[in-house]
Amino acid sequence: MAEQARRRAGVARVFVGQPERLAAAWRRSRFAEARKEGAPPRNQLDQLVEPFIREIGRSLEGTEGSAWSRTRAVLRLSPQRGTRALTDEFAALRRCLLDAVETLGGGDSERAVVNNAVDEAAISSTDLLEHLGNPFAPKPRVPFAGLVVMSFEKPATAREKSITGDAQAAAH
């Protein structure tokens, strides 16, 4: 029992004290995924990853309530990218956090805390995206404590044309 508490405290200490290291692993993962598609990553979660990881660490320390509801950051939602892109980002975050838990010697209870927090955040975010697009859709069950920003983007083909057009104009 004491060994399990020591491991949990070690995992929590890294999550609370060094969330930027875990976030860097997530960003590397997202960059590798985007590279396969030949484009840079366009992360919607980029500005909230560190605060969210820190709050997961606080949950591991025993703080009551939802890590997602305690996270104070900016969540960018893109109707153009939809819920699939958001779900993919949370899946990559889950993989990175669970790898960290395993590397730090955490067990099933630490993995359960991480899984629960990421599930709440992913469901809440997708519900929020749907609710913002359709006011009759249900509001998220778990509220987000930060600022939500709707991000409107040019369609990919228009963006690619403007980038290549700008590059050609600059070359002449």
N, C-alpha and C. Protein backbone atom coordinates (compact mmCIF):
# COMPACT_ATOMS: atom_id res chain seq x y z
N MET A 1 0.82 -1.18 0.00
CA MET A 1 0.00 0.00 0.00
C MET A 1 0.87 1.26 0.00
N ALA A 2 1.91 1.28 0.82
CA ALA A 2 2.79 2.43 0.88
C ALA A 2 3.54 2.59 -0.43
N GLU A 3 3.91 1.49 -1.06
CA GLU A 3 4.60 1.54 -2.35
C GLU A 3 3.70 2.14 -3.42
N GLN A 4 2.44 1.76 -3.42
CA GLN A 4 1.48 2.29 -4.39
C GLN A 4 1.29 3.80 -4.17
N ALA A 5 1.22 4.24 -2.94
CA ALA A 5 1.07 5.66 -2.63
C ALA A 5 2.31 6.44 -3.07
N ARG A 6 3.49 5.84 -2.89
CA ARG A 6 4.73 6.49 -3.31
C ARG A 6 4.78 6.65 -4.82
N ARG A 7 4.35 5.61 -5.55
CA ARG A 7 4.33 5.68 -7.02
C ARG A 7 3.33 6.72 -7.50
N ARG A 8 2.15 6.73 -6.87
CA ARG A 8 1.12 7.71 -7.25
C ARG A 8 1.63 9.12 -7.03
N ALA A 9 2.30 9.35 -5.91
CA ALA A 9 2.85 10.67 -5.61
C ALA A 9 3.91 11.07 -6.64
N GLY A 10 4.72 10.10 -7.08
CA GLY A 10 5.73 10.37 -8.09
C GLY A 10 5.13 10.77 -9.43
N VAL A 11 4.08 10.06 -9.83
CA VAL A 11 3.38 10.39 -11.07
C VAL A 11 2.76 11.78 -10.95
N ALA A 12 2.08 12.03 -9.84
CA ALA A 12 1.43 13.32 -9.62
C ALA A 12 2.45 14.45 -9.63
N ARG A 13 3.60 14.22 -9.02
CA ARG A 13 4.64 15.25 -8.95
C ARG A 13 5.09 15.69 -10.35
N VAL A 14 5.26 14.73 -11.27
CA VAL A 14 5.67 15.07 -12.63
C VAL A 14 4.54 15.79 -13.37
N PHE A 15 3.31 15.30 -13.23
CA PHE A 15 2.17 15.92 -13.90
C PHE A 15 1.96 17.36 -13.43
N VAL A 16 2.10 17.60 -12.13
CA VAL A 16 1.88 18.95 -11.59
C VAL A 16 3.10 19.83 -11.82
N GLY A 17 4.28 19.29 -11.61
CA GLY A 17 5.49 20.10 -11.64
C GLY A 17 6.14 20.28 -13.00
N GLN A 18 5.89 19.34 -13.91
CA GLN A 18 6.54 19.42 -15.22
C GLN A 18 5.57 19.09 -16.36
N PRO A 19 4.44 19.75 -16.40
CA PRO A 19 3.48 19.43 -17.47
C PRO A 19 4.01 19.76 -18.86
N GLU A 20 4.94 20.70 -18.93
CA GLU A 20 5.49 21.08 -20.23
C GLU A 20 6.26 19.92 -20.89
N ARG A 21 6.85 19.05 -20.09
CA ARG A 21 7.57 17.90 -20.64
C ARG A 21 6.60 16.91 -21.27
N LEU A 22 5.48 16.69 -20.59
CA LEU A 22 4.47 15.78 -21.13
C LEU A 22 3.78 16.41 -22.35
N ALA A 23 3.56 17.71 -22.29
CA ALA A 23 2.95 18.41 -23.42
C ALA A 23 3.88 18.38 -24.64
N ALA A 24 5.18 18.46 -24.41
CA ALA A 24 6.13 18.39 -25.51
C ALA A 24 6.06 17.03 -26.20
N ALA A 25 5.87 15.98 -25.43
CA ALA A 25 5.71 14.64 -26.03
C ALA A 25 4.45 14.58 -26.88
N TRP A 26 3.37 15.19 -26.38
CA TRP A 26 2.12 15.24 -27.15
C TRP A 26 2.32 16.02 -28.45
N ARG A 27 3.02 17.15 -28.38
CA ARG A 27 3.25 17.96 -29.58
C ARG A 27 4.12 17.22 -30.59
N ARG A 28 5.11 16.49 -30.12
CA ARG A 28 5.93 15.68 -31.04
C ARG A 28 5.08 14.61 -31.72
N SER A 29 4.21 13.99 -30.95
CA SER A 29 3.31 12.98 -31.50
C SER A 29 2.38 13.58 -32.55
N ARG A 30 1.80 14.73 -32.25
CA ARG A 30 0.91 15.40 -33.20
C ARG A 30 1.67 15.83 -34.45
N PHE A 31 2.92 16.28 -34.28
CA PHE A 31 3.72 16.68 -35.43
C PHE A 31 4.00 15.47 -36.32
N ALA A 32 4.32 14.34 -35.70
CA ALA A 32 4.59 13.12 -36.47
C ALA A 32 3.35 12.66 -37.24
N GLU A 33 2.18 12.75 -36.60
CA GLU A 33 0.93 12.37 -37.27
C GLU A 33 0.64 13.30 -38.44
N ALA A 34 0.83 14.60 -38.25
CA ALA A 34 0.55 15.57 -39.31
C ALA A 34 1.56 15.44 -40.45
N ARG A 35 2.76 15.08 -40.12
CA ARG A 35 3.80 14.93 -41.13
C ARG A 35 3.46 13.85 -42.14
N LYS A 36 2.78 12.80 -41.68
CA LYS A 36 2.35 11.74 -42.58
C LYS A 36 1.40 12.27 -43.64
N GLU A 37 0.62 13.30 -43.25
CA GLU A 37 -0.33 13.92 -44.17
C GLU A 37 0.30 15.05 -44.97
N GLY A 38 1.55 15.37 -44.68
CA GLY A 38 2.26 16.41 -45.41
C GLY A 38 1.88 17.83 -45.03
N ALA A 39 1.40 18.02 -43.82
CA ALA A 39 1.01 19.36 -43.37
C ALA A 39 1.42 19.53 -41.91
N PRO A 40 1.64 20.78 -41.49
CA PRO A 40 1.94 20.98 -40.07
C PRO A 40 0.69 20.73 -39.22
N PRO A 41 0.88 20.37 -37.96
CA PRO A 41 -0.30 20.13 -37.11
C PRO A 41 -1.05 21.43 -36.84
N ARG A 42 -2.35 21.32 -36.76
CA ARG A 42 -3.20 22.47 -36.40
C ARG A 42 -3.97 22.05 -35.15
N ASN A 43 -3.30 22.15 -34.04
CA ASN A 43 -3.83 21.66 -32.77
C ASN A 43 -4.85 22.62 -32.17
N GLN A 44 -5.99 22.09 -31.82
CA GLN A 44 -7.01 22.88 -31.13
C GLN A 44 -6.75 22.92 -29.63
N LEU A 45 -6.03 21.94 -29.13
CA LEU A 45 -5.78 21.82 -27.69
C LEU A 45 -4.46 22.43 -27.25
N ASP A 46 -3.73 23.01 -28.18
CA ASP A 46 -2.37 23.45 -27.92
C ASP A 46 -2.24 24.34 -26.70
N GLN A 47 -3.14 25.28 -26.50
CA GLN A 47 -2.99 26.24 -25.41
C GLN A 47 -3.51 25.74 -24.07
N LEU A 48 -4.10 24.57 -24.05
CA LEU A 48 -4.64 24.10 -22.77
C LEU A 48 -3.99 22.82 -22.27
N VAL A 49 -3.06 22.26 -23.03
CA VAL A 49 -2.48 20.98 -22.65
C VAL A 49 -1.77 21.04 -21.30
N GLU A 50 -0.89 22.02 -21.11
CA GLU A 50 -0.17 22.10 -19.84
C GLU A 50 -1.09 22.30 -18.64
N PRO A 51 -2.02 23.26 -18.68
CA PRO A 51 -2.92 23.41 -17.52
C PRO A 51 -3.76 22.15 -17.27
N PHE A 52 -4.19 21.49 -18.32
CA PHE A 52 -4.99 20.28 -18.15
C PHE A 52 -4.16 19.16 -17.52
N ILE A 53 -2.93 18.99 -17.98
CA ILE A 53 -2.05 17.96 -17.40
C ILE A 53 -1.80 18.27 -15.91
N ARG A 54 -1.59 19.54 -15.60
CA ARG A 54 -1.37 19.94 -14.21
C ARG A 54 -2.59 19.57 -13.35
N GLU A 55 -3.79 19.81 -13.88
CA GLU A 55 -5.00 19.48 -13.12
C GLU A 55 -5.19 17.97 -12.98
N ILE A 56 -4.77 17.21 -13.96
CA ILE A 56 -4.81 15.75 -13.83
C ILE A 56 -3.87 15.34 -12.70
N GLY A 57 -2.70 15.98 -12.63
CA GLY A 57 -1.77 15.72 -11.54
C GLY A 57 -2.38 16.04 -10.19
N ARG A 58 -3.12 17.11 -10.13
CA ARG A 58 -3.79 17.45 -8.86
C ARG A 58 -4.85 16.42 -8.50
N SER A 59 -5.52 15.87 -9.50
CA SER A 59 -6.47 14.78 -9.24
C SER A 59 -5.72 13.57 -8.69
N LEU A 60 -4.54 13.30 -9.23
CA LEU A 60 -3.73 12.19 -8.71
C LEU A 60 -3.29 12.45 -7.28
N GLU A 61 -3.13 13.73 -6.93
CA GLU A 61 -2.78 14.09 -5.54
C GLU A 61 -3.97 13.99 -4.60
N GLY A 62 -5.17 13.87 -5.16
CA GLY A 62 -6.35 13.73 -4.32
C GLY A 62 -7.33 14.89 -4.36
N THR A 63 -7.06 15.90 -5.19
CA THR A 63 -7.98 17.02 -5.30
C THR A 63 -9.31 16.53 -5.86
N GLU A 64 -10.38 16.94 -5.22
CA GLU A 64 -11.72 16.51 -5.63
C GLU A 64 -12.18 17.26 -6.87
N GLY A 65 -13.11 16.66 -7.59
CA GLY A 65 -13.73 17.29 -8.75
C GLY A 65 -13.04 16.93 -10.05
N SER A 66 -13.59 17.44 -11.11
CA SER A 66 -13.11 17.15 -12.46
C SER A 66 -11.90 18.00 -12.82
N ALA A 67 -10.87 17.35 -13.34
CA ALA A 67 -9.69 18.08 -13.82
C ALA A 67 -10.09 19.05 -14.93
N TRP A 68 -10.99 18.62 -15.79
CA TRP A 68 -11.45 19.45 -16.90
C TRP A 68 -12.17 20.70 -16.38
N SER A 69 -12.97 20.54 -15.36
CA SER A 69 -13.70 21.68 -14.80
C SER A 69 -12.79 22.64 -14.04
N ARG A 70 -11.60 22.21 -13.68
CA ARG A 70 -10.64 23.09 -13.01
C ARG A 70 -9.66 23.73 -13.98
N THR A 71 -9.61 23.25 -15.22
CA THR A 71 -8.63 23.74 -16.19
C THR A 71 -9.00 25.13 -16.68
N ARG A 72 -8.10 26.07 -16.45
CA ARG A 72 -8.31 27.45 -16.88
C ARG A 72 -7.33 27.72 -18.01
N ALA A 73 -7.88 27.72 -19.23
CA ALA A 73 -7.06 27.91 -20.43
C ALA A 73 -7.98 28.27 -21.59
N VAL A 74 -7.42 28.33 -22.78
CA VAL A 74 -8.20 28.64 -23.97
C VAL A 74 -8.39 27.36 -24.79
N LEU A 75 -9.64 27.05 -25.06
CA LEU A 75 -9.99 25.91 -25.92
C LEU A 75 -10.45 26.45 -27.25
N ARG A 76 -9.73 26.10 -28.31
CA ARG A 76 -10.11 26.53 -29.65
C ARG A 76 -10.89 25.40 -30.31
N LEU A 77 -12.08 25.73 -30.76
CA LEU A 77 -12.91 24.74 -31.44
C LEU A 77 -13.09 25.17 -32.89
N SER A 78 -12.98 24.21 -33.79
CA SER A 78 -13.11 24.49 -35.22
C SER A 78 -14.24 23.67 -35.82
N PRO A 79 -15.33 24.34 -36.21
CA PRO A 79 -16.42 23.61 -36.86
C PRO A 79 -15.97 22.95 -38.17
N GLN A 80 -15.01 23.58 -38.88
CA GLN A 80 -14.53 23.02 -40.13
C GLN A 80 -13.83 21.68 -39.92
N ARG A 81 -13.06 21.57 -38.85
CA ARG A 81 -12.35 20.32 -38.58
C ARG A 81 -13.25 19.29 -37.92
N GLY A 82 -14.25 19.75 -37.19
CA GLY A 82 -15.25 18.86 -36.62
C GLY A 82 -14.76 18.08 -35.41
N THR A 83 -15.63 17.19 -34.97
CA THR A 83 -15.35 16.42 -33.76
C THR A 83 -14.26 15.37 -33.97
N ARG A 84 -14.10 14.90 -35.19
CA ARG A 84 -13.09 13.86 -35.47
C ARG A 84 -11.69 14.37 -35.14
N ALA A 85 -11.36 15.58 -35.59
CA ALA A 85 -10.03 16.15 -35.33
C ALA A 85 -9.82 16.33 -33.83
N LEU A 86 -10.84 16.78 -33.15
CA LEU A 86 -10.77 16.97 -31.70
C LEU A 86 -10.55 15.63 -30.99
N THR A 87 -11.28 14.62 -31.41
CA THR A 87 -11.14 13.29 -30.84
C THR A 87 -9.73 12.74 -31.08
N ASP A 88 -9.18 12.98 -32.26
CA ASP A 88 -7.82 12.52 -32.57
C ASP A 88 -6.79 13.19 -31.65
N GLU A 89 -6.97 14.46 -31.37
CA GLU A 89 -6.04 15.17 -30.48
C GLU A 89 -6.10 14.61 -29.06
N PHE A 90 -7.31 14.36 -28.58
CA PHE A 90 -7.45 13.78 -27.24
C PHE A 90 -6.89 12.36 -27.19
N ALA A 91 -7.03 11.61 -28.27
CA ALA A 91 -6.49 10.25 -28.31
C ALA A 91 -4.96 10.28 -28.22
N ALA A 92 -4.34 11.21 -28.94
CA ALA A 92 -2.88 11.36 -28.87
C ALA A 92 -2.45 11.78 -27.47
N LEU A 93 -3.21 12.67 -26.85
CA LEU A 93 -2.90 13.11 -25.48
C LEU A 93 -3.01 11.94 -24.51
N ARG A 94 -4.06 11.14 -24.66
CA ARG A 94 -4.23 9.97 -23.79
C ARG A 94 -3.03 9.03 -23.92
N ARG A 95 -2.62 8.74 -25.14
CA ARG A 95 -1.48 7.84 -25.34
C ARG A 95 -0.23 8.36 -24.65
N CYS A 96 0.05 9.65 -24.81
CA CYS A 96 1.24 10.25 -24.20
C CYS A 96 1.18 10.19 -22.67
N LEU A 97 0.02 10.51 -22.12
CA LEU A 97 -0.12 10.51 -20.65
C LEU A 97 -0.05 9.11 -20.08
N LEU A 98 -0.65 8.14 -20.76
CA LEU A 98 -0.58 6.76 -20.27
C LEU A 98 0.83 6.20 -20.39
N ASP A 99 1.56 6.59 -21.44
CA ASP A 99 2.97 6.20 -21.55
C ASP A 99 3.77 6.78 -20.40
N ALA A 100 3.47 8.03 -20.04
CA ALA A 100 4.17 8.67 -18.92
C ALA A 100 3.86 7.96 -17.62
N VAL A 101 2.60 7.62 -17.40
CA VAL A 101 2.21 6.91 -16.18
C VAL A 101 2.99 5.59 -16.09
N GLU A 102 3.06 4.87 -17.18
CA GLU A 102 3.77 3.59 -17.18
C GLU A 102 5.26 3.80 -16.92
N THR A 103 5.86 4.78 -17.59
CA THR A 103 7.29 5.06 -17.42
C THR A 103 7.62 5.47 -15.99
N LEU A 104 6.71 6.19 -15.36
CA LEU A 104 6.93 6.66 -14.00
C LEU A 104 6.57 5.62 -12.94
N GLY A 105 6.14 4.45 -13.38
CA GLY A 105 5.86 3.37 -12.44
C GLY A 105 4.46 3.37 -11.87
N GLY A 106 3.56 4.13 -12.49
CA GLY A 106 2.17 4.16 -12.02
C GLY A 106 1.46 2.86 -12.33
N GLY A 107 0.35 2.66 -11.68
CA GLY A 107 -0.41 1.43 -11.85
C GLY A 107 -1.80 1.68 -12.42
N ASP A 108 -2.67 0.71 -12.16
CA ASP A 108 -4.03 0.78 -12.70
C ASP A 108 -4.81 1.98 -12.17
N SER A 109 -4.64 2.31 -10.91
CA SER A 109 -5.41 3.44 -10.36
C SER A 109 -4.99 4.76 -10.99
N GLU A 110 -3.71 4.94 -11.29
CA GLU A 110 -3.24 6.16 -11.95
C GLU A 110 -3.74 6.21 -13.40
N ARG A 111 -3.69 5.07 -14.06
CA ARG A 111 -4.22 5.01 -15.43
C ARG A 111 -5.71 5.33 -15.45
N ALA A 112 -6.44 4.86 -14.45
CA ALA A 112 -7.88 5.13 -14.37
C ALA A 112 -8.15 6.63 -14.21
N VAL A 113 -7.36 7.30 -13.39
CA VAL A 113 -7.54 8.75 -13.20
C VAL A 113 -7.29 9.48 -14.52
N VAL A 114 -6.22 9.11 -15.22
CA VAL A 114 -5.90 9.74 -16.50
C VAL A 114 -7.00 9.47 -17.52
N ASN A 115 -7.41 8.21 -17.64
CA ASN A 115 -8.46 7.86 -18.59
C ASN A 115 -9.76 8.60 -18.31
N ASN A 116 -10.14 8.67 -17.04
CA ASN A 116 -11.37 9.37 -16.67
C ASN A 116 -11.29 10.85 -17.04
N ALA A 117 -10.17 11.48 -16.73
CA ALA A 117 -10.00 12.92 -17.02
C ALA A 117 -10.04 13.18 -18.52
N VAL A 118 -9.34 12.37 -19.29
CA VAL A 118 -9.33 12.58 -20.75
C VAL A 118 -10.70 12.28 -21.34
N ASP A 119 -11.38 11.24 -20.84
CA ASP A 119 -12.74 10.95 -21.31
C ASP A 119 -13.67 12.13 -21.06
N GLU A 120 -13.64 12.67 -19.85
CA GLU A 120 -14.49 13.83 -19.52
C GLU A 120 -14.20 15.01 -20.44
N ALA A 121 -12.92 15.28 -20.66
CA ALA A 121 -12.54 16.42 -21.49
C ALA A 121 -12.95 16.21 -22.94
N ALA A 122 -12.72 15.02 -23.46
CA ALA A 122 -13.05 14.74 -24.87
C ALA A 122 -14.55 14.81 -25.10
N ILE A 123 -15.31 14.20 -24.21
CA ILE A 123 -16.78 14.22 -24.36
C ILE A 123 -17.31 15.64 -24.19
N SER A 124 -16.81 16.35 -23.20
CA SER A 124 -17.26 17.72 -22.96
C SER A 124 -16.94 18.61 -24.16
N SER A 125 -15.74 18.48 -24.72
CA SER A 125 -15.34 19.31 -25.86
C SER A 125 -16.18 19.04 -27.09
N THR A 126 -16.40 17.78 -27.39
CA THR A 126 -17.22 17.46 -28.57
C THR A 126 -18.67 17.87 -28.34
N ASP A 127 -19.18 17.70 -27.12
CA ASP A 127 -20.54 18.17 -26.81
C ASP A 127 -20.63 19.69 -26.96
N LEU A 128 -19.60 20.38 -26.51
CA LEU A 128 -19.58 21.84 -26.60
C LEU A 128 -19.54 22.28 -28.07
N LEU A 129 -18.73 21.61 -28.88
CA LEU A 129 -18.67 21.94 -30.30
C LEU A 129 -20.03 21.74 -30.96
N GLU A 130 -20.68 20.64 -30.63
CA GLU A 130 -22.01 20.37 -31.18
C GLU A 130 -23.03 21.39 -30.68
N HIS A 131 -22.95 21.74 -29.40
CA HIS A 131 -23.89 22.71 -28.83
C HIS A 131 -23.71 24.10 -29.44
N LEU A 132 -22.48 24.50 -29.69
CA LEU A 132 -22.24 25.81 -30.29
C LEU A 132 -22.76 25.87 -31.72
N GLY A 133 -22.75 24.72 -32.40
CA GLY A 133 -23.27 24.65 -33.76
C GLY A 133 -24.78 24.50 -33.80
N ASN A 134 -25.35 23.93 -32.75
CA ASN A 134 -26.79 23.68 -32.68
C ASN A 134 -27.24 23.96 -31.25
N PRO A 135 -27.86 25.10 -31.01
CA PRO A 135 -28.25 25.45 -29.63
C PRO A 135 -29.24 24.48 -29.00
N PHE A 136 -29.87 23.63 -29.80
CA PHE A 136 -30.81 22.65 -29.25
C PHE A 136 -30.10 21.38 -28.80
N ALA A 137 -28.83 21.23 -29.17
CA ALA A 137 -28.05 20.07 -28.71
C ALA A 137 -27.79 20.24 -27.21
N PRO A 138 -27.66 19.15 -26.48
CA PRO A 138 -27.45 19.27 -25.03
C PRO A 138 -26.11 19.92 -24.70
N LYS A 139 -26.10 20.65 -23.60
CA LYS A 139 -24.86 21.25 -23.12
C LYS A 139 -23.98 20.15 -22.53
N PRO A 140 -22.67 20.39 -22.47
CA PRO A 140 -21.78 19.39 -21.88
C PRO A 140 -22.14 19.09 -20.43
N ARG A 141 -22.04 17.84 -20.05
CA ARG A 141 -22.31 17.42 -18.68
C ARG A 141 -21.23 17.93 -17.74
N VAL A 142 -19.99 17.92 -18.20
CA VAL A 142 -18.86 18.41 -17.41
C VAL A 142 -18.43 19.75 -18.01
N PRO A 143 -18.60 20.84 -17.29
CA PRO A 143 -18.27 22.16 -17.84
C PRO A 143 -16.75 22.38 -17.92
N PHE A 144 -16.35 23.23 -18.85
CA PHE A 144 -14.96 23.63 -19.01
C PHE A 144 -14.78 24.97 -18.31
N ALA A 145 -13.71 25.11 -17.52
CA ALA A 145 -13.50 26.31 -16.71
C ALA A 145 -12.84 27.45 -17.47
N GLY A 146 -12.35 27.18 -18.66
CA GLY A 146 -11.62 28.20 -19.39
C GLY A 146 -12.46 28.94 -20.40
N LEU A 147 -11.78 29.57 -21.33
CA LEU A 147 -12.38 30.35 -22.39
C LEU A 147 -12.49 29.50 -23.64
N VAL A 148 -13.65 29.51 -24.28
CA VAL A 148 -13.86 28.76 -25.52
C VAL A 148 -13.89 29.74 -26.67
N VAL A 149 -13.08 29.47 -27.69
CA VAL A 149 -12.98 30.33 -28.86
C VAL A 149 -13.33 29.49 -30.08
N MET A 150 -14.26 30.00 -30.89
CA MET A 150 -14.57 29.34 -32.15
C MET A 150 -13.55 29.81 -33.18
N SER A 151 -12.93 28.87 -33.85
CA SER A 151 -11.90 29.17 -34.83
C SER A 151 -12.47 28.91 -36.22
N PHE A 152 -12.52 29.96 -37.04
CA PHE A 152 -13.03 29.82 -38.40
C PHE A 152 -11.85 29.89 -39.35
N GLU A 153 -11.78 28.93 -40.26
CA GLU A 153 -10.62 28.81 -41.15
C GLU A 153 -11.07 28.76 -42.59
N LYS A 154 -10.12 29.09 -43.47
CA LYS A 154 -10.38 28.91 -44.89
C LYS A 154 -10.38 27.42 -45.19
N PRO A 155 -11.15 26.99 -46.18
CA PRO A 155 -11.06 25.59 -46.58
C PRO A 155 -9.64 25.28 -47.05
N ALA A 156 -9.23 24.03 -46.93
CA ALA A 156 -7.86 23.62 -47.24
C ALA A 156 -7.45 24.02 -48.66
N THR A 157 -8.31 23.84 -49.65
CA THR A 157 -7.93 24.15 -51.03
C THR A 157 -7.67 25.65 -51.20
N ALA A 158 -8.48 26.50 -50.60
CA ALA A 158 -8.27 27.94 -50.69
C ALA A 158 -6.98 28.34 -49.99
N ARG A 159 -6.70 27.71 -48.86
CA ARG A 159 -5.48 28.01 -48.12
C ARG A 159 -4.26 27.61 -48.93
N GLU A 160 -4.30 26.43 -49.54
CA GLU A 160 -3.16 25.97 -50.34
C GLU A 160 -2.93 26.88 -51.53
N LYS A 161 -4.01 27.33 -52.20
CA LYS A 161 -3.87 28.24 -53.34
C LYS A 161 -3.26 29.55 -52.90
N SER A 162 -3.70 30.09 -51.77
CA SER A 162 -3.16 31.38 -51.32
C SER A 162 -1.70 31.24 -50.93
N ILE A 163 -1.32 30.11 -50.35
CA ILE A 163 0.09 29.90 -49.97
C ILE A 163 0.95 29.81 -51.22
N THR A 164 0.53 29.00 -52.20
CA THR A 164 1.32 28.86 -53.42
C THR A 164 1.31 30.15 -54.22
N GLY A 165 0.18 30.85 -54.24
CA GLY A 165 0.11 32.11 -54.95
C GLY A 165 1.04 33.14 -54.34
N ASP A 166 1.08 33.20 -53.02
CA ASP A 166 1.98 34.12 -52.33
C ASP A 166 3.44 33.77 -52.60
N ALA A 167 3.74 32.48 -52.62
CA ALA A 167 5.11 32.05 -52.86
C ALA A 167 5.53 32.41 -54.29
N GLN A 168 4.62 32.23 -55.26
CA GLN A 168 4.95 32.56 -56.64
C GLN A 168 5.11 34.06 -56.81
N ALA A 169 4.23 34.83 -56.15
CA ALA A 169 4.33 36.29 -56.25
C ALA A 169 5.63 36.78 -55.63
N ALA A 170 6.06 36.17 -54.56
CA ALA A 170 7.29 36.59 -53.91
C ALA A 170 8.51 36.21 -54.74
N ALA A 171 8.39 35.17 -55.54
CA ALA A 171 9.52 34.72 -56.35
C ALA A 171 9.75 35.64 -57.54
N HIS A 172 8.73 36.39 -57.97
CA HIS A 172 8.88 37.24 -59.16
C HIS A 172 9.36 38.58 -58.84
